[in-house]
Amino acid sequence: MNRWLAAWSIAAILAATAARAADDPLKICLDEDRPPLSVHHKGKPGSGFDVLLAQAIADRLGRPLTIQWFESKLDEDSSPQLEANALLSDGRCSLVGGYALTTDSLVKPGMKTARLPDFAGATRDDRRRRVALGVLVPSQPYVYSPITVVLGPKARGRKIADIGDLAGLHLVIDSGSLGDAILMTFDKGRLIDDITHLVPGRDDLLGALARGDYDATLIDLGRFDAHRAAHPDTAITASGYYYPIGANRGYVGLASDPALIDAVNKALTGLAAEGKIVEFGTQAGLTYLPPREPAILGDVWMKIIQR
């Protein structure tokens, strides 16, 4: 009898623990200003591809979804890797979505602590303190994010099959960006004299391109999608050319919670097989491209220099 009661008690405890786990929200951190992946304006519900996907993942896991919105600064001192790690290590979320999967972004951080990015609900103390960092682990990728050549009105219809086809065009690029490195190092600097650099976050690159001030640029495909959605009558056009080095995006969590990553991978596999992830891309106005090998991109800077 006592043995039966002990077994019943253990089963009851396990059932209660599982029930509590199911009630715990799945907390996912998303960038508040990265359309069409994720967007959040004060007083309005969040939107975008990663919002739709996050809800579907939570539904698959049988848990309510809570999104922790954060703001990633566009400056040379910001580090997406440290920002994501700080948010996770501080318990603000269990996953960060839309994370570029590269070896550099997943290495053990070289410092023990980092500051949190600005996030919804942050206090003055939150903005000052430093967080002890953990080790990041990725999920399987769920979308491929290439960079693409976008053409201004004067270059509309120009065939672009390689970076070399940009020769003779007046090029514009965000200073310090991946596109900047590609253009500046192409063919031992052959395009340097054709390039104008703008300051990210201060100058309106795509607006200047649309006015016809420049002929072409090299930017993330998602950024072009966002511009096209906000300006349906824009004069800039997609060239259809994707630079051959691009990164997959996925979730990233902490190595201390491998069970969550396993569960998320199973959910992603199921959603992809059902065509749901492609549907979410269409709904969000994202030019969806499925993940490509390698799942985690190696040293991107070395790959660019060697091309």
C-alpha atoms as a PDB file:
ATOM      1  CA  MET A   1       0.000   0.000   0.000  1.00  0.00           C
ATOM      2  CA  ASN A   2       2.770   2.411   0.978  1.00  0.00           C
ATOM      3  CA  ARG A   3       4.625   1.533  -2.231  1.00  0.00           C
ATOM      4  CA  TRP A   4       1.476   2.296  -4.267  1.00  0.00           C
ATOM      5  CA  LEU A   5       1.032   5.626  -2.494  1.00  0.00           C
ATOM      6  CA  ALA A   6       4.665   6.567  -3.130  1.00  0.00           C
ATOM      7  CA  ALA A   7       4.334   5.782  -6.847  1.00  0.00           C
ATOM      8  CA  TRP A   8       1.091   7.768  -7.034  1.00  0.00           C
ATOM      9  CA  SER A   9       2.739  10.746  -5.305  1.00  0.00           C
ATOM     10  CA  ILE A  10       5.673  10.747  -7.737  1.00  0.00           C
ATOM     11  CA  ALA A  11       3.299  10.591 -10.715  1.00  0.00           C
ATOM     12  CA  ALA A  12       1.221  13.438  -9.288  1.00  0.00           C
ATOM     13  CA  ILE A  13       4.318  15.587  -8.750  1.00  0.00           C
ATOM     14  CA  LEU A  14       5.527  14.939 -12.314  1.00  0.00           C
ATOM     15  CA  ALA A  15       2.095  15.751 -13.734  1.00  0.00           C
ATOM     16  CA  ALA A  16       1.897  18.964 -11.738  1.00  0.00           C
ATOM     17  CA  THR A  17       5.400  19.964 -12.851  1.00  0.00           C
ATOM     18  CA  ALA A  18       4.512  19.316 -16.502  1.00  0.00           C
ATOM     19  CA  ALA A  19       1.330  21.351 -16.146  1.00  0.00           C
ATOM     20  CA  ARG A  20       3.232  24.283 -14.672  1.00  0.00           C
ATOM     21  CA  ALA A  21       5.791  24.046 -17.480  1.00  0.00           C
ATOM     22  CA  ALA A  22       2.991  24.166 -20.073  1.00  0.00           C
ATOM     23  CA  ASP A  23       1.604  27.290 -18.390  1.00  0.00           C
ATOM     24  CA  ASP A  24       4.992  29.035 -18.423  1.00  0.00           C
ATOM     25  CA  PRO A  25       5.179  31.514 -21.309  1.00  0.00           C
ATOM     26  CA  LEU A  26       7.684  30.903 -24.065  1.00  0.00           C
ATOM     27  CA  LYS A  27       9.676  34.132 -23.907  1.00  0.00           C
ATOM     28  CA  ILE A  28      11.263  35.191 -27.195  1.00  0.00           C
ATOM     29  CA  CYS A  29      13.297  38.344 -27.723  1.00  0.00           C
ATOM     30  CA  LEU A  30      12.749  40.140 -31.040  1.00  0.00           C
ATOM     31  CA  ASP A  31      14.194  43.322 -32.502  1.00  0.00           C
ATOM     32  CA  GLU A  32      11.482  46.009 -32.506  1.00  0.00           C
ATOM     33  CA  ASP A  33      12.673  47.624 -35.751  1.00  0.00           C
ATOM     34  CA  ARG A  34      13.680  44.967 -38.270  1.00  0.00           C
ATOM     35  CA  PRO A  35      10.887  44.836 -40.866  1.00  0.00           C
ATOM     36  CA  PRO A  36       9.671  42.616 -42.399  1.00  0.00           C
ATOM     37  CA  LEU A  37      11.063  40.186 -39.801  1.00  0.00           C
ATOM     38  CA  SER A  38       9.812  41.927 -36.659  1.00  0.00           C
ATOM     39  CA  VAL A  39       8.249  45.308 -35.930  1.00  0.00           C
ATOM     40  CA  HIS A  40       6.746  46.825 -32.802  1.00  0.00           C
ATOM     41  CA  HIS A  41       5.358  50.311 -32.275  1.00  0.00           C
ATOM     42  CA  LYS A  42       4.211  51.487 -28.853  1.00  0.00           C
ATOM     43  CA  GLY A  43       0.521  50.812 -28.311  1.00  0.00           C
ATOM     44  CA  LYS A  44       0.249  48.477 -31.297  1.00  0.00           C
ATOM     45  CA  PRO A  45       0.604  44.697 -31.598  1.00  0.00           C
ATOM     46  CA  GLY A  46       3.841  43.355 -33.015  1.00  0.00           C
ATOM     47  CA  SER A  47       3.998  42.169 -36.604  1.00  0.00           C
ATOM     48  CA  GLY A  48       6.352  40.500 -39.046  1.00  0.00           C
ATOM     49  CA  PHE A  49       7.626  37.114 -40.123  1.00  0.00           C
ATOM     50  CA  ASP A  50       9.366  36.335 -36.814  1.00  0.00           C
ATOM     51  CA  VAL A  51       6.235  37.254 -34.849  1.00  0.00           C
ATOM     52  CA  LEU A  52       4.133  34.817 -36.873  1.00  0.00           C
ATOM     53  CA  LEU A  53       6.761  32.112 -36.530  1.00  0.00           C
ATOM     54  CA  ALA A  54       7.203  32.674 -32.795  1.00  0.00           C
ATOM     55  CA  GLN A  55       3.475  32.241 -32.226  1.00  0.00           C
ATOM     56  CA  ALA A  56       3.462  29.035 -34.261  1.00  0.00           C
ATOM     57  CA  ILE A  57       6.413  27.669 -32.271  1.00  0.00           C
ATOM     58  CA  ALA A  58       4.691  28.479 -28.975  1.00  0.00           C
ATOM     59  CA  ASP A  59       1.504  26.801 -30.191  1.00  0.00           C
ATOM     60  CA  ARG A  60       3.465  23.651 -31.117  1.00  0.00           C
ATOM     61  CA  LEU A  61       5.016  23.589 -27.650  1.00  0.00           C
ATOM     62  CA  GLY A  62       1.644  24.162 -26.005  1.00  0.00           C
ATOM     63  CA  ARG A  63       2.796  27.319 -24.256  1.00  0.00           C
ATOM     64  CA  PRO A  64       1.605  30.934 -24.327  1.00  0.00           C
ATOM     65  CA  LEU A  65       3.929  33.364 -26.099  1.00  0.00           C
ATOM     66  CA  THR A  66       5.543  36.420 -24.562  1.00  0.00           C
ATOM     67  CA  ILE A  67       7.673  38.676 -26.768  1.00  0.00           C
ATOM     68  CA  GLN A  68      10.371  40.783 -25.179  1.00  0.00           C
ATOM     69  CA  TRP A  69      11.003  43.646 -27.569  1.00  0.00           C
ATOM     70  CA  PHE A  70      14.461  45.184 -27.680  1.00  0.00           C
ATOM     71  CA  GLU A  71      16.251  47.843 -29.689  1.00  0.00           C
ATOM     72  CA  SER A  72      19.514  47.084 -31.450  1.00  0.00           C
ATOM     73  CA  LYS A  73      21.617  50.181 -32.107  1.00  0.00           C
ATOM     74  CA  LEU A  74      23.012  50.753 -35.594  1.00  0.00           C
ATOM     75  CA  ASP A  75      26.500  51.881 -34.700  1.00  0.00           C
ATOM     76  CA  GLU A  76      30.043  50.569 -34.772  1.00  0.00           C
ATOM     77  CA  ASP A  77      30.070  49.907 -31.011  1.00  0.00           C
ATOM     78  CA  SER A  78      27.018  47.611 -31.007  1.00  0.00           C
ATOM     79  CA  SER A  79      27.395  43.831 -30.947  1.00  0.00           C
ATOM     80  CA  PRO A  80      24.355  41.678 -31.800  1.00  0.00           C
ATOM     81  CA  GLN A  81      26.131  38.695 -30.232  1.00  0.00           C
ATOM     82  CA  LEU A  82      26.674  40.394 -26.865  1.00  0.00           C
ATOM     83  CA  GLU A  83      23.198  41.959 -26.889  1.00  0.00           C
ATOM     84  CA  ALA A  84      21.538  38.574 -27.484  1.00  0.00           C
ATOM     85  CA  ASN A  85      23.703  36.880 -24.875  1.00  0.00           C
ATOM     86  CA  ALA A  86      22.961  39.564 -22.279  1.00  0.00           C
ATOM     87  CA  LEU A  87      19.202  39.317 -22.850  1.00  0.00           C
ATOM     88  CA  LEU A  88      19.267  35.528 -22.533  1.00  0.00           C
ATOM     89  CA  SER A  89      21.650  35.446 -19.586  1.00  0.00           C
ATOM     90  CA  ASP A  90      19.548  38.019 -17.729  1.00  0.00           C
ATOM     91  CA  GLY A  91      16.448  35.865 -18.165  1.00  0.00           C
ATOM     92  CA  ARG A  92      14.635  38.408 -20.328  1.00  0.00           C
ATOM     93  CA  CYS A  93      13.863  35.583 -22.733  1.00  0.00           C
ATOM     94  CA  SER A  94      14.728  31.964 -23.500  1.00  0.00           C
ATOM     95  CA  LEU A  95      15.269  32.494 -27.225  1.00  0.00           C
ATOM     96  CA  VAL A  96      16.344  35.337 -29.488  1.00  0.00           C
ATOM     97  CA  GLY A  97      14.750  35.177 -32.934  1.00  0.00           C
ATOM     98  CA  GLY A  98      16.053  36.290 -36.323  1.00  0.00           C
ATOM     99  CA  TYR A  99      19.647  35.625 -35.266  1.00  0.00           C
ATOM    100  CA  ALA A 100      22.268  35.475 -38.031  1.00  0.00           C
ATOM    101  CA  LEU A 101      23.957  32.078 -37.743  1.00  0.00           C
ATOM    102  CA  THR A 102      27.691  32.570 -38.268  1.00  0.00           C
ATOM    103  CA  THR A 103      30.652  31.052 -36.474  1.00  0.00           C
ATOM    104  CA  ASP A 104      31.699  34.512 -35.290  1.00  0.00           C
ATOM    105  CA  SER A 105      28.280  35.155 -33.750  1.00  0.00           C
ATOM    106  CA  LEU A 106      28.282  31.857 -31.854  1.00  0.00           C
ATOM    107  CA  VAL A 107      31.777  31.748 -30.357  1.00  0.00           C
ATOM    108  CA  LYS A 108      32.242  31.949 -26.608  1.00  0.00           C
ATOM    109  CA  PRO A 109      32.347  35.670 -25.775  1.00  0.00           C
ATOM    110  CA  GLY A 110      35.752  37.136 -25.101  1.00  0.00           C
ATOM    111  CA  MET A 111      34.423  39.077 -22.108  1.00  0.00           C
ATOM    112  CA  LYS A 112      32.638  37.852 -18.997  1.00  0.00           C
ATOM    113  CA  THR A 113      29.952  40.559 -18.836  1.00  0.00           C
ATOM    114  CA  ALA A 114      28.077  42.898 -21.167  1.00  0.00           C
ATOM    115  CA  ARG A 115      25.452  45.613 -21.024  1.00  0.00           C
ATOM    116  CA  LEU A 116      21.859  44.949 -21.978  1.00  0.00           C
ATOM    117  CA  PRO A 117      20.437  46.611 -25.084  1.00  0.00           C
ATOM    118  CA  ASP A 118      17.512  48.920 -24.543  1.00  0.00           C
ATOM    119  CA  PHE A 119      14.393  46.784 -24.094  1.00  0.00           C
ATOM    120  CA  ALA A 120      10.713  47.313 -23.387  1.00  0.00           C
ATOM    121  CA  GLY A 121      10.267  47.874 -19.662  1.00  0.00           C
ATOM    122  CA  ALA A 122      13.941  48.652 -18.980  1.00  0.00           C
ATOM    123  CA  THR A 123      14.703  50.822 -15.964  1.00  0.00           C
ATOM    124  CA  ARG A 124      17.535  53.281 -15.463  1.00  0.00           C
ATOM    125  CA  ASP A 125      19.405  50.633 -13.467  1.00  0.00           C
ATOM    126  CA  ASP A 126      18.951  48.113 -16.304  1.00  0.00           C
ATOM    127  CA  ARG A 127      20.677  50.509 -18.676  1.00  0.00           C
ATOM    128  CA  ARG A 128      23.665  50.833 -16.363  1.00  0.00           C
ATOM    129  CA  ARG A 129      24.330  47.322 -15.101  1.00  0.00           C
ATOM    130  CA  ARG A 130      26.336  44.542 -16.718  1.00  0.00           C
ATOM    131  CA  VAL A 131      25.207  40.921 -17.048  1.00  0.00           C
ATOM    132  CA  ALA A 132      27.329  37.799 -16.605  1.00  0.00           C
ATOM    133  CA  LEU A 133      27.333  36.056 -19.998  1.00  0.00           C
ATOM    134  CA  GLY A 134      26.606  32.431 -20.875  1.00  0.00           C
ATOM    135  CA  VAL A 135      27.307  30.321 -23.955  1.00  0.00           C
ATOM    136  CA  LEU A 136      25.049  30.574 -27.015  1.00  0.00           C
ATOM    137  CA  VAL A 137      23.687  27.594 -28.960  1.00  0.00           C
ATOM    138  CA  PRO A 138      21.675  27.847 -32.195  1.00  0.00           C
ATOM    139  CA  SER A 139      18.528  26.173 -33.408  1.00  0.00           C
ATOM    140  CA  GLN A 140      18.349  24.856 -36.931  1.00  0.00           C
ATOM    141  CA  PRO A 141      17.971  27.711 -39.443  1.00  0.00           C
ATOM    142  CA  TYR A 142      14.555  28.697 -40.776  1.00  0.00           C
ATOM    143  CA  VAL A 143      15.262  31.385 -43.395  1.00  0.00           C
ATOM    144  CA  TYR A 144      18.134  32.458 -45.641  1.00  0.00           C
ATOM    145  CA  SER A 145      19.091  36.152 -45.685  1.00  0.00           C
ATOM    146  CA  PRO A 146      21.224  37.133 -48.680  1.00  0.00           C
ATOM    147  CA  ILE A 147      22.405  40.538 -49.724  1.00  0.00           C
ATOM    148  CA  THR A 148      21.243  41.778 -53.097  1.00  0.00           C
ATOM    149  CA  VAL A 149      21.934  44.504 -55.618  1.00  0.00           C
ATOM    150  CA  VAL A 150      19.172  47.117 -55.756  1.00  0.00           C
ATOM    151  CA  LEU A 151      18.997  49.516 -58.688  1.00  0.00           C
ATOM    152  CA  GLY A 152      18.041  53.183 -58.870  1.00  0.00           C
ATOM    153  CA  PRO A 153      15.773  54.578 -61.610  1.00  0.00           C
ATOM    154  CA  LYS A 154      18.662  55.424 -63.971  1.00  0.00           C
ATOM    155  CA  ALA A 155      19.935  51.835 -63.876  1.00  0.00           C
ATOM    156  CA  ARG A 156      16.527  50.148 -64.085  1.00  0.00           C
ATOM    157  CA  GLY A 157      16.665  47.021 -66.226  1.00  0.00           C
ATOM    158  CA  ARG A 158      20.433  46.716 -66.110  1.00  0.00           C
ATOM    159  CA  LYS A 159      21.469  43.059 -66.047  1.00  0.00           C
ATOM    160  CA  ILE A 160      23.487  42.186 -62.943  1.00  0.00           C
ATOM    161  CA  ALA A 161      24.989  38.702 -62.861  1.00  0.00           C
ATOM    162  CA  ASP A 162      28.066  39.525 -60.792  1.00  0.00           C
ATOM    163  CA  ILE A 163      29.527  42.381 -58.744  1.00  0.00           C
ATOM    164  CA  GLY A 164      31.713  43.256 -61.731  1.00  0.00           C
ATOM    165  CA  ASP A 165      28.578  44.295 -63.645  1.00  0.00           C
ATOM    166  CA  LEU A 166      28.335  47.321 -61.330  1.00  0.00           C
ATOM    167  CA  ALA A 167      31.396  48.904 -62.950  1.00  0.00           C
ATOM    168  CA  GLY A 168      30.622  52.350 -64.334  1.00  0.00           C
ATOM    169  CA  LEU A 169      27.626  52.883 -62.041  1.00  0.00           C
ATOM    170  CA  HIS A 170      27.513  55.464 -59.242  1.00  0.00           C
ATOM    171  CA  LEU A 171      27.346  53.213 -56.172  1.00  0.00           C
ATOM    172  CA  VAL A 172      26.171  54.079 -52.656  1.00  0.00           C
ATOM    173  CA  ILE A 173      26.695  52.020 -49.507  1.00  0.00           C
ATOM    174  CA  ASP A 174      26.351  52.217 -45.726  1.00  0.00           C
ATOM    175  CA  SER A 175      29.777  52.738 -44.224  1.00  0.00           C
ATOM    176  CA  GLY A 176      31.090  49.730 -42.291  1.00  0.00           C
ATOM    177  CA  SER A 177      28.462  47.341 -43.624  1.00  0.00           C
ATOM    178  CA  LEU A 178      29.028  43.923 -45.154  1.00  0.00           C
ATOM    179  CA  GLY A 179      28.104  45.392 -48.532  1.00  0.00           C
ATOM    180  CA  ASP A 180      30.774  48.035 -48.021  1.00  0.00           C
ATOM    181  CA  ALA A 181      33.446  45.355 -47.497  1.00  0.00           C
ATOM    182  CA  ILE A 182      32.319  43.480 -50.605  1.00  0.00           C
ATOM    183  CA  LEU A 183      32.344  46.502 -52.884  1.00  0.00           C
ATOM    184  CA  MET A 184      35.569  47.983 -51.549  1.00  0.00           C
ATOM    185  CA  THR A 185      37.573  44.753 -51.867  1.00  0.00           C
ATOM    186  CA  PHE A 186      36.137  43.536 -55.166  1.00  0.00           C
ATOM    187  CA  ASP A 187      38.839  42.787 -57.741  1.00  0.00           C
ATOM    188  CA  LYS A 188      41.553  44.542 -55.728  1.00  0.00           C
ATOM    189  CA  GLY A 189      39.528  47.726 -55.300  1.00  0.00           C
ATOM    190  CA  ARG A 190      38.374  48.187 -58.893  1.00  0.00           C
ATOM    191  CA  LEU A 191      35.089  49.833 -57.795  1.00  0.00           C
ATOM    192  CA  ILE A 192      36.467  52.145 -55.097  1.00  0.00           C
ATOM    193  CA  ASP A 193      36.289  55.347 -57.154  1.00  0.00           C
ATOM    194  CA  ASP A 194      32.605  54.694 -57.939  1.00  0.00           C
ATOM    195  CA  ILE A 195      31.504  54.332 -54.285  1.00  0.00           C
ATOM    196  CA  THR A 196      29.909  56.953 -52.033  1.00  0.00           C
ATOM    197  CA  HIS A 197      29.699  56.111 -48.325  1.00  0.00           C
ATOM    198  CA  LEU A 198      26.779  57.151 -46.131  1.00  0.00           C
ATOM    199  CA  VAL A 199      26.476  57.013 -42.343  1.00  0.00           C
ATOM    200  CA  PRO A 200      24.056  54.277 -41.125  1.00  0.00           C
ATOM    201  CA  GLY A 201      21.159  55.641 -39.106  1.00  0.00           C
ATOM    202  CA  ARG A 202      21.821  59.217 -40.218  1.00  0.00           C
ATOM    203  CA  ASP A 203      21.630  59.175 -44.006  1.00  0.00           C
ATOM    204  CA  ASP A 204      18.685  57.766 -45.981  1.00  0.00           C
ATOM    205  CA  LEU A 205      20.436  55.400 -48.370  1.00  0.00           C
ATOM    206  CA  LEU A 206      17.358  53.996 -50.119  1.00  0.00           C
ATOM    207  CA  GLY A 207      15.687  57.395 -50.273  1.00  0.00           C
ATOM    208  CA  ALA A 208      18.738  58.831 -52.034  1.00  0.00           C
ATOM    209  CA  LEU A 209      18.779  55.872 -54.397  1.00  0.00           C
ATOM    210  CA  ALA A 210      15.084  56.333 -55.199  1.00  0.00           C
ATOM    211  CA  ARG A 211      15.651  60.028 -55.990  1.00  0.00           C
ATOM    212  CA  GLY A 212      18.196  59.037 -58.583  1.00  0.00           C
ATOM    213  CA  ASP A 213      21.181  60.451 -56.698  1.00  0.00           C
ATOM    214  CA  TYR A 214      22.904  57.086 -57.139  1.00  0.00           C
ATOM    215  CA  ASP A 215      22.572  54.092 -59.437  1.00  0.00           C
ATOM    216  CA  ALA A 216      22.896  51.003 -57.233  1.00  0.00           C
ATOM    217  CA  THR A 217      23.591  49.617 -53.774  1.00  0.00           C
ATOM    218  CA  LEU A 218      24.214  46.278 -52.081  1.00  0.00           C
ATOM    219  CA  ILE A 219      21.956  45.619 -49.081  1.00  0.00           C
ATOM    220  CA  ASP A 220      20.163  42.890 -47.156  1.00  0.00           C
ATOM    221  CA  LEU A 221      17.191  41.555 -49.107  1.00  0.00           C
ATOM    222  CA  GLY A 222      14.886  42.050 -46.122  1.00  0.00           C
ATOM    223  CA  ARG A 223      15.726  45.742 -46.045  1.00  0.00           C
ATOM    224  CA  PHE A 224      14.610  46.087 -49.655  1.00  0.00           C
ATOM    225  CA  ASP A 225      11.386  44.200 -48.837  1.00  0.00           C
ATOM    226  CA  ALA A 226      10.694  46.630 -45.982  1.00  0.00           C
ATOM    227  CA  HIS A 227      11.301  49.668 -48.192  1.00  0.00           C
ATOM    228  CA  ARG A 228       9.058  48.311 -50.927  1.00  0.00           C
ATOM    229  CA  ALA A 229       6.254  47.661 -48.412  1.00  0.00           C
ATOM    230  CA  ALA A 230       6.519  51.201 -47.010  1.00  0.00           C
ATOM    231  CA  HIS A 231       6.845  52.797 -50.482  1.00  0.00           C
ATOM    232  CA  PRO A 232       4.760  50.783 -52.989  1.00  0.00           C
ATOM    233  CA  ASP A 233       5.480  53.347 -55.712  1.00  0.00           C
ATOM    234  CA  THR A 234       9.246  53.406 -55.133  1.00  0.00           C
ATOM    235  CA  ALA A 235      11.488  54.001 -58.123  1.00  0.00           C
ATOM    236  CA  ILE A 236      14.103  51.476 -56.998  1.00  0.00           C
ATOM    237  CA  THR A 237      13.968  47.901 -58.286  1.00  0.00           C
ATOM    238  CA  ALA A 238      15.419  44.518 -57.418  1.00  0.00           C
ATOM    239  CA  SER A 239      18.141  43.293 -59.745  1.00  0.00           C
ATOM    240  CA  GLY A 240      17.450  39.626 -58.970  1.00  0.00           C
ATOM    241  CA  TYR A 241      21.133  39.105 -58.173  1.00  0.00           C
ATOM    242  CA  TYR A 242      22.061  37.630 -54.784  1.00  0.00           C
ATOM    243  CA  TYR A 243      25.651  37.761 -53.604  1.00  0.00           C
ATOM    244  CA  PRO A 244      26.761  34.118 -53.145  1.00  0.00           C
ATOM    245  CA  ILE A 245      27.776  34.563 -49.503  1.00  0.00           C
ATOM    246  CA  GLY A 246      24.774  34.924 -47.200  1.00  0.00           C
ATOM    247  CA  ALA A 247      23.697  33.874 -43.710  1.00  0.00           C
ATOM    248  CA  ASN A 248      20.859  31.742 -42.446  1.00  0.00           C
ATOM    249  CA  ARG A 249      18.772  33.020 -39.567  1.00  0.00           C
ATOM    250  CA  GLY A 250      17.442  30.966 -36.676  1.00  0.00           C
ATOM    251  CA  TYR A 251      16.910  31.061 -32.934  1.00  0.00           C
ATOM    252  CA  VAL A 252      19.666  31.218 -30.374  1.00  0.00           C
ATOM    253  CA  GLY A 253      19.419  30.170 -26.735  1.00  0.00           C
ATOM    254  CA  LEU A 254      21.731  29.256 -23.889  1.00  0.00           C
ATOM    255  CA  ALA A 255      23.697  26.017 -23.736  1.00  0.00           C
ATOM    256  CA  SER A 256      22.210  25.475 -20.272  1.00  0.00           C
ATOM    257  CA  ASP A 257      18.785  24.693 -21.822  1.00  0.00           C
ATOM    258  CA  PRO A 258      19.379  22.107 -24.581  1.00  0.00           C
ATOM    259  CA  ALA A 259      15.884  20.603 -24.197  1.00  0.00           C
ATOM    260  CA  LEU A 260      14.293  23.836 -25.398  1.00  0.00           C
ATOM    261  CA  ILE A 261      16.475  23.964 -28.511  1.00  0.00           C
ATOM    262  CA  ASP A 262      15.578  20.328 -29.275  1.00  0.00           C
ATOM    263  CA  ALA A 263      11.861  21.097 -28.918  1.00  0.00           C
ATOM    264  CA  VAL A 264      12.134  24.182 -31.120  1.00  0.00           C
ATOM    265  CA  ASN A 265      13.986  22.198 -33.805  1.00  0.00           C
ATOM    266  CA  LYS A 266      11.199  19.613 -33.889  1.00  0.00           C
ATOM    267  CA  ALA A 267       8.604  22.367 -34.209  1.00  0.00           C
ATOM    268  CA  LEU A 268      10.549  24.062 -37.020  1.00  0.00           C
ATOM    269  CA  THR A 269      10.888  20.777 -38.906  1.00  0.00           C
ATOM    270  CA  GLY A 270       7.142  20.203 -38.712  1.00  0.00           C
ATOM    271  CA  LEU A 271       6.213  23.741 -39.733  1.00  0.00           C
ATOM    272  CA  ALA A 272       8.612  23.636 -42.687  1.00  0.00           C
ATOM    273  CA  ALA A 273       7.246  20.287 -43.889  1.00  0.00           C
ATOM    274  CA  GLU A 274       3.715  21.700 -43.830  1.00  0.00           C
ATOM    275  CA  GLY A 275       4.704  24.802 -45.797  1.00  0.00           C
ATOM    276  CA  LYS A 276       3.772  27.074 -42.901  1.00  0.00           C
ATOM    277  CA  ILE A 277       7.092  28.943 -42.780  1.00  0.00           C
ATOM    278  CA  VAL A 278       6.778  29.904 -46.443  1.00  0.00           C
ATOM    279  CA  GLU A 279       3.222  31.103 -45.726  1.00  0.00           C
ATOM    280  CA  PHE A 280       4.453  33.295 -42.884  1.00  0.00           C
ATOM    281  CA  GLY A 281       6.969  34.880 -45.246  1.00  0.00           C
ATOM    282  CA  THR A 282       4.248  35.673 -47.766  1.00  0.00           C
ATOM    283  CA  GLN A 283       1.997  37.156 -45.067  1.00  0.00           C
ATOM    284  CA  ALA A 284       4.800  39.401 -43.824  1.00  0.00           C
ATOM    285  CA  GLY A 285       5.876  40.618 -47.271  1.00  0.00           C
ATOM    286  CA  LEU A 286       9.209  38.821 -47.006  1.00  0.00           C
ATOM    287  CA  THR A 287      10.949  37.420 -50.081  1.00  0.00           C
ATOM    288  CA  TYR A 288      11.328  34.024 -48.426  1.00  0.00           C
ATOM    289  CA  LEU A 289      14.331  31.883 -49.292  1.00  0.00           C
ATOM    290  CA  PRO A 290      14.799  28.514 -47.537  1.00  0.00           C
ATOM    291  CA  PRO A 291      17.956  27.868 -45.485  1.00  0.00           C
ATOM    292  CA  ARG A 292      21.099  26.896 -47.385  1.00  0.00           C
ATOM    293  CA  GLU A 293      24.237  24.978 -46.589  1.00  0.00           C
ATOM    294  CA  PRO A 294      26.325  25.572 -44.657  1.00  0.00           C
ATOM    295  CA  ALA A 295      23.791  25.973 -41.858  1.00  0.00           C
ATOM    296  CA  ILE A 296      26.295  28.141 -39.980  1.00  0.00           C
ATOM    297  CA  LEU A 297      28.372  30.470 -42.123  1.00  0.00           C
ATOM    298  CA  GLY A 298      32.134  30.444 -41.524  1.00  0.00           C
ATOM    299  CA  ASP A 299      34.485  33.428 -41.527  1.00  0.00           C
ATOM    300  CA  VAL A 300      32.511  35.753 -43.796  1.00  0.00           C
ATOM    301  CA  TRP A 301      35.230  38.411 -43.989  1.00  0.00           C
ATOM    302  CA  MET A 302      37.838  35.896 -45.122  1.00  0.00           C
ATOM    303  CA  LYS A 303      35.418  34.499 -47.705  1.00  0.00           C
ATOM    304  CA  ILE A 304      34.889  37.984 -49.127  1.00  0.00           C
ATOM    305  CA  ILE A 305      38.598  38.770 -49.283  1.00  0.00           C
ATOM    306  CA  GLN A 306      39.366  35.454 -50.986  1.00  0.00           C
ATOM    307  CA  ARG A 307      36.764  35.927 -53.722  1.00  0.00           C
END
